[in-house]
C-alpha atoms as a PDB file:
ATOM      1  CA  UNK A   1       6.410  19.792   2.462  1.00  0.00           C
ATOM      2  CA  UNK A   2       7.795  20.894  -0.913  1.00  0.00           C
ATOM      3  CA  UNK A   3      10.126  18.620  -2.859  1.00  0.00           C
ATOM      4  CA  UNK A   4      12.341  19.042  -5.898  1.00  0.00           C
ATOM      5  CA  UNK A   5      14.889  17.100  -7.939  1.00  0.00           C
ATOM      6  CA  UNK A   6      18.347  18.659  -8.331  1.00  0.00           C
ATOM      7  CA  UNK A   7      21.155  17.994 -10.773  1.00  0.00           C
ATOM      8  CA  UNK A   8      24.413  17.562  -8.846  1.00  0.00           C
ATOM      9  CA  UNK A   9      27.939  16.599  -9.957  1.00  0.00           C
ATOM     10  CA  UNK A  10      27.078  13.050  -8.790  1.00  0.00           C
ATOM     11  CA  UNK A  11      23.762  12.823 -10.689  1.00  0.00           C
ATOM     12  CA  UNK A  12      20.240  13.808  -9.706  1.00  0.00           C
ATOM     13  CA  UNK A  13      19.079  13.943  -6.071  1.00  0.00           C
ATOM     14  CA  UNK A  14      15.708  14.468  -4.429  1.00  0.00           C
ATOM     15  CA  UNK A  15      15.623  17.464  -2.096  1.00  0.00           C
ATOM     16  CA  UNK A  16      13.310  19.073   0.455  1.00  0.00           C
ATOM     17  CA  UNK A  17      12.689  22.780  -0.111  1.00  0.00           C
ATOM     18  CA  UNK A  18      13.128  24.966   2.973  1.00  0.00           C
ATOM     19  CA  UNK A  19      12.675  28.649   2.221  1.00  0.00           C
ATOM     20  CA  UNK A  20      15.395  29.545  -0.283  1.00  0.00           C
ATOM     21  CA  UNK A  21      17.335  26.293   0.197  1.00  0.00           C
ATOM     22  CA  UNK A  22      17.085  22.698  -0.983  1.00  0.00           C
ATOM     23  CA  UNK A  23      18.258  19.945   1.402  1.00  0.00           C
ATOM     24  CA  UNK A  24      19.372  16.734  -0.323  1.00  0.00           C
ATOM     25  CA  UNK A  25      17.499  13.518   0.480  1.00  0.00           C
ATOM     26  CA  UNK A  26      19.029  10.062  -0.021  1.00  0.00           C
ATOM     27  CA  UNK A  27      17.047   9.281  -3.207  1.00  0.00           C
ATOM     28  CA  UNK A  28      17.975   9.763  -6.870  1.00  0.00           C
ATOM     29  CA  UNK A  29      14.854  11.855  -7.602  1.00  0.00           C
ATOM     30  CA  UNK A  30      11.391  12.656  -6.278  1.00  0.00           C
ATOM     31  CA  UNK A  31       9.872   9.714  -8.177  1.00  0.00           C
ATOM     32  CA  UNK A  32      12.231   7.262  -6.472  1.00  0.00           C
ATOM     33  CA  UNK A  33      11.548   8.899  -3.103  1.00  0.00           C
ATOM     34  CA  UNK A  34       7.765   8.675  -3.499  1.00  0.00           C
ATOM     35  CA  UNK A  35       8.038   4.942  -4.270  1.00  0.00           C
ATOM     36  CA  UNK A  36       9.008   4.431  -0.610  1.00  0.00           C
ATOM     37  CA  UNK A  37       5.921   4.177   1.654  1.00  0.00           C
ATOM     38  CA  UNK A  38       7.919   6.021   4.355  1.00  0.00           C
ATOM     39  CA  UNK A  39       8.872   8.894   2.023  1.00  0.00           C
ATOM     40  CA  UNK A  40       7.482  11.604   4.321  1.00  0.00           C
ATOM     41  CA  UNK A  41       9.582  10.472   7.252  1.00  0.00           C
ATOM     42  CA  UNK A  42      12.689  10.117   5.044  1.00  0.00           C
ATOM     43  CA  UNK A  43      12.223  13.569   3.551  1.00  0.00           C
ATOM     44  CA  UNK A  44      11.521  15.246   6.898  1.00  0.00           C
ATOM     45  CA  UNK A  45      14.567  13.640   8.566  1.00  0.00           C
ATOM     46  CA  UNK A  46      17.002  14.304   5.696  1.00  0.00           C
ATOM     47  CA  UNK A  47      20.007  16.426   6.577  1.00  0.00           C
ATOM     48  CA  UNK A  48      22.062  16.205   3.391  1.00  0.00           C
ATOM     49  CA  UNK A  49      23.993  18.956   1.643  1.00  0.00           C
ATOM     50  CA  UNK A  50      22.157  22.261   1.222  1.00  0.00           C
ATOM     51  CA  UNK A  51      21.839  24.188  -2.031  1.00  0.00           C
ATOM     52  CA  UNK A  52      20.721  27.767  -2.656  1.00  0.00           C
ATOM     53  CA  UNK A  53      17.568  27.412  -4.783  1.00  0.00           C
ATOM     54  CA  UNK A  54      18.379  30.554  -6.766  1.00  0.00           C
ATOM     55  CA  UNK A  55      21.553  28.862  -8.061  1.00  0.00           C
ATOM     56  CA  UNK A  56      20.327  25.246  -8.082  1.00  0.00           C
ATOM     57  CA  UNK A  57      20.204  23.253 -11.315  1.00  0.00           C
ATOM     58  CA  UNK A  58      16.666  21.888 -11.155  1.00  0.00           C
ATOM     59  CA  UNK A  59      15.890  18.681 -13.022  1.00  0.00           C
ATOM     60  CA  UNK A  60      12.398  17.494 -13.979  1.00  0.00           C
ATOM     61  CA  UNK A  61      10.643  16.580 -10.743  1.00  0.00           C
ATOM     62  CA  UNK A  62      10.123  12.960 -11.801  1.00  0.00           C
ATOM     63  CA  UNK A  63      12.650  12.400 -14.619  1.00  0.00           C
ATOM     64  CA  UNK A  64      11.329   8.987 -15.723  1.00  0.00           C
ATOM     65  CA  UNK A  65       7.547   8.923 -15.237  1.00  0.00           C
ATOM     66  CA  UNK A  66       5.567   5.904 -16.330  1.00  0.00           C
ATOM     67  CA  UNK A  67       2.891   8.110 -17.881  1.00  0.00           C
ATOM     68  CA  UNK A  68       2.326  11.817 -18.474  1.00  0.00           C
ATOM     69  CA  UNK A  69      -1.284  12.970 -18.707  1.00  0.00           C
ATOM     70  CA  UNK A  70      -1.948  16.577 -19.670  1.00  0.00           C
ATOM     71  CA  UNK A  71      -5.061  18.714 -19.449  1.00  0.00           C
ATOM     72  CA  UNK A  72      -5.458  21.242 -22.242  1.00  0.00           C
ATOM     73  CA  UNK A  73      -7.534  24.395 -22.349  1.00  0.00           C
ATOM     74  CA  UNK A  74      -8.349  24.092 -18.671  1.00  0.00           C
ATOM     75  CA  UNK A  75      -7.880  27.759 -17.791  1.00  0.00           C
ATOM     76  CA  UNK A  76     -11.047  29.764 -18.350  1.00  0.00           C
ATOM     77  CA  UNK A  77      -9.371  33.121 -19.092  1.00  0.00           C
ATOM     78  CA  UNK A  78      -6.911  31.528 -21.523  1.00  0.00           C
ATOM     79  CA  UNK A  79      -9.721  29.780 -23.408  1.00  0.00           C
ATOM     80  CA  UNK A  80     -11.698  33.013 -23.638  1.00  0.00           C
ATOM     81  CA  UNK A  81      -8.712  35.136 -24.748  1.00  0.00           C
ATOM     82  CA  UNK A  82      -8.134  32.632 -27.571  1.00  0.00           C
ATOM     83  CA  UNK A  83     -11.751  33.221 -28.671  1.00  0.00           C
ATOM     84  CA  UNK A  84     -12.790  29.644 -28.076  1.00  0.00           C
ATOM     85  CA  UNK A  85     -15.899  28.272 -26.478  1.00  0.00           C
ATOM     86  CA  UNK A  86     -15.545  26.738 -23.046  1.00  0.00           C
ATOM     87  CA  UNK A  87     -15.441  22.948 -23.377  1.00  0.00           C
ATOM     88  CA  UNK A  88     -18.009  20.809 -21.644  1.00  0.00           C
ATOM     89  CA  UNK A  89     -15.175  18.539 -20.428  1.00  0.00           C
ATOM     90  CA  UNK A  90     -11.422  19.169 -20.263  1.00  0.00           C
ATOM     91  CA  UNK A  91      -9.265  17.975 -23.151  1.00  0.00           C
ATOM     92  CA  UNK A  92      -6.850  15.244 -22.096  1.00  0.00           C
ATOM     93  CA  UNK A  93      -3.732  14.182 -23.974  1.00  0.00           C
ATOM     94  CA  UNK A  94      -0.501  12.276 -23.336  1.00  0.00           C
ATOM     95  CA  UNK A  95       3.150  13.269 -23.751  1.00  0.00           C
ATOM     96  CA  UNK A  96       6.331  11.237 -23.942  1.00  0.00           C
ATOM     97  CA  UNK A  97       8.813  11.338 -21.055  1.00  0.00           C
ATOM     98  CA  UNK A  98      11.376  12.851 -23.459  1.00  0.00           C
ATOM     99  CA  UNK A  99       9.205  16.004 -23.527  1.00  0.00           C
ATOM    100  CA  UNK A 100      10.114  16.798 -19.900  1.00  0.00           C
ATOM    101  CA  UNK A 101      12.519  19.683 -19.432  1.00  0.00           C
ATOM    102  CA  UNK A 102      13.642  21.703 -16.455  1.00  0.00           C
ATOM    103  CA  UNK A 103      13.869  25.470 -16.614  1.00  0.00           C
ATOM    104  CA  UNK A 104      17.440  25.586 -18.013  1.00  0.00           C
ATOM    105  CA  UNK A 105      17.475  22.350 -20.046  1.00  0.00           C
ATOM    106  CA  UNK A 106      18.610  22.766 -23.640  1.00  0.00           C
ATOM    107  CA  UNK A 107      15.937  22.097 -26.256  1.00  0.00           C
ATOM    108  CA  UNK A 108      16.053  21.425 -29.962  1.00  0.00           C
ATOM    109  CA  UNK A 109      13.544  21.351 -32.788  1.00  0.00           C
ATOM    110  CA  UNK A 110      15.307  18.679 -34.775  1.00  0.00           C
ATOM    111  CA  UNK A 111      18.491  16.750 -35.254  1.00  0.00           C
ATOM    112  CA  UNK A 112      20.326  19.055 -37.659  1.00  0.00           C
ATOM    113  CA  UNK A 113      22.316  22.036 -36.318  1.00  0.00           C
ATOM    114  CA  UNK A 114      20.310  24.462 -38.478  1.00  0.00           C
ATOM    115  CA  UNK A 115      17.037  23.515 -36.724  1.00  0.00           C
ATOM    116  CA  UNK A 116      18.276  23.642 -33.108  1.00  0.00           C
ATOM    117  CA  UNK A 117      16.547  26.170 -30.865  1.00  0.00           C
ATOM    118  CA  UNK A 118      18.754  28.670 -29.105  1.00  0.00           C
END
């Protein structure tokens, strides 16, 4: 089962992905859904509004995670094309929740208008 979090006019909603559609689930996001031990049953039984995925406004999957752990330089071909040696162990690092963005979220490189990314 594939899940996503959508932005809707009423806020974010968890959704089950079915082919090219997303079916809303009664949870504010995937993180809230997964906190329920019966999340699989809830997601499978959901019959909320449907959205075309091609037009859907996708939000970060879990908008407010407790922690974000990242693995850097873990793709062999990428490491080699950068001319680096393969690490003995993967590099791990953390990110702040504010770093999460969905595919169409606006981003900025600073607080002044002259430094905003377009």
